[in-house]
Amino acid sequence: MMLYPSMASLLNRVNSRYMLVNVIAKRSRDIAEEAIATDEPLEKKSVSIAIDELANGDFNVIPHPAKEN
């Protein structure tokens, strides 16, 4: 169970839960791939690192504009 950071604090940085899941998943994959490429072991799971980074404001989420039909 995730206690910190709270879901509410993460949703202040991202527009929706769907976007939050996608952003964290993408950043988590990037962290894992970088660790494999540099042969460095991770101290925590990549998902936890990605969540902490978002909560700390280490990266920002910029949504793409919706396509018009």
Protein backbone atom coordinates (compact mmCIF):
# COMPACT_ATOMS: atom_id res chain seq x y z
CA MET A 1 0.00 0.00 0.00
CA MET A 2 1.38 3.37 -1.00
CA LEU A 3 1.28 5.92 1.85
CA TYR A 4 3.66 8.57 0.58
CA PRO A 5 3.28 10.41 -1.63
CA SER A 6 -0.49 10.47 -1.48
CA MET A 7 -2.59 10.00 -4.59
CA ALA A 8 -4.02 13.48 -4.09
CA SER A 9 -0.57 15.09 -4.16
CA LEU A 10 0.35 13.20 -7.33
CA LEU A 11 -2.91 14.21 -9.00
CA ASN A 12 -2.01 17.86 -8.35
CA ARG A 13 0.83 17.36 -10.86
CA VAL A 14 -1.11 15.27 -13.42
CA ASN A 15 -4.60 15.83 -14.87
CA SER A 16 -6.06 12.35 -14.34
CA ARG A 17 -5.39 8.94 -12.84
CA TYR A 18 -5.12 7.49 -16.33
CA MET A 19 -2.42 10.00 -17.24
CA LEU A 20 -0.68 9.36 -13.91
CA VAL A 21 -0.44 5.62 -14.57
CA ASN A 22 0.90 6.20 -18.08
CA VAL A 23 3.47 8.77 -16.97
CA ILE A 24 4.75 6.62 -14.10
CA ALA A 25 4.90 3.52 -16.31
CA LYS A 26 6.87 5.35 -19.02
CA ARG A 27 9.33 6.90 -16.57
CA SER A 28 9.72 3.56 -14.79
CA ARG A 29 10.64 1.83 -18.05
CA ASP A 30 13.16 4.58 -18.81
CA ILE A 31 14.77 4.17 -15.37
CA ALA A 32 14.97 0.38 -15.73
CA GLU A 33 16.44 0.59 -19.24
CA GLU A 34 19.04 3.13 -18.09
CA ALA A 35 20.02 0.88 -15.16
CA ILE A 36 20.47 -2.08 -17.51
CA ALA A 37 22.49 -0.02 -19.99
CA THR A 38 24.84 1.30 -17.31
CA ASP A 39 24.94 -2.01 -15.41
CA GLU A 40 23.98 -0.23 -12.18
CA PRO A 41 21.71 -1.99 -9.67
CA LEU A 42 18.69 -0.04 -8.47
CA GLU A 43 18.26 0.49 -4.72
CA LYS A 44 14.47 0.62 -5.08
CA LYS A 45 12.02 -0.58 -7.69
CA SER A 46 11.87 1.59 -10.77
CA VAL A 47 8.18 2.38 -10.18
CA SER A 48 8.96 3.71 -6.69
CA ILE A 49 11.76 5.86 -8.08
CA ALA A 50 9.44 7.26 -10.79
CA ILE A 51 6.73 8.08 -8.23
CA ASP A 52 9.26 9.81 -5.96
CA GLU A 53 10.62 11.82 -8.89
CA LEU A 54 7.15 13.02 -9.86
CA ALA A 55 6.29 13.89 -6.26
CA ASN A 56 9.54 15.86 -5.89
CA GLY A 57 8.94 17.74 -9.13
CA ASP A 58 12.02 16.28 -10.83
CA PHE A 59 10.06 16.18 -14.09
CA ASN A 60 6.89 17.79 -15.40
CA VAL A 61 4.06 16.31 -17.40
CA ILE A 62 3.05 18.24 -20.50
CA PRO A 63 -0.04 16.69 -22.13
CA HIS A 64 -0.34 16.72 -25.90
CA PRO A 65 -3.28 18.69 -27.30
CA ALA A 66 -6.28 16.65 -28.37
CA LYS A 67 -6.58 15.91 -32.07
CA GLU A 68 -9.46 17.52 -33.88
CA ASN A 69 -11.47 15.48 -36.37
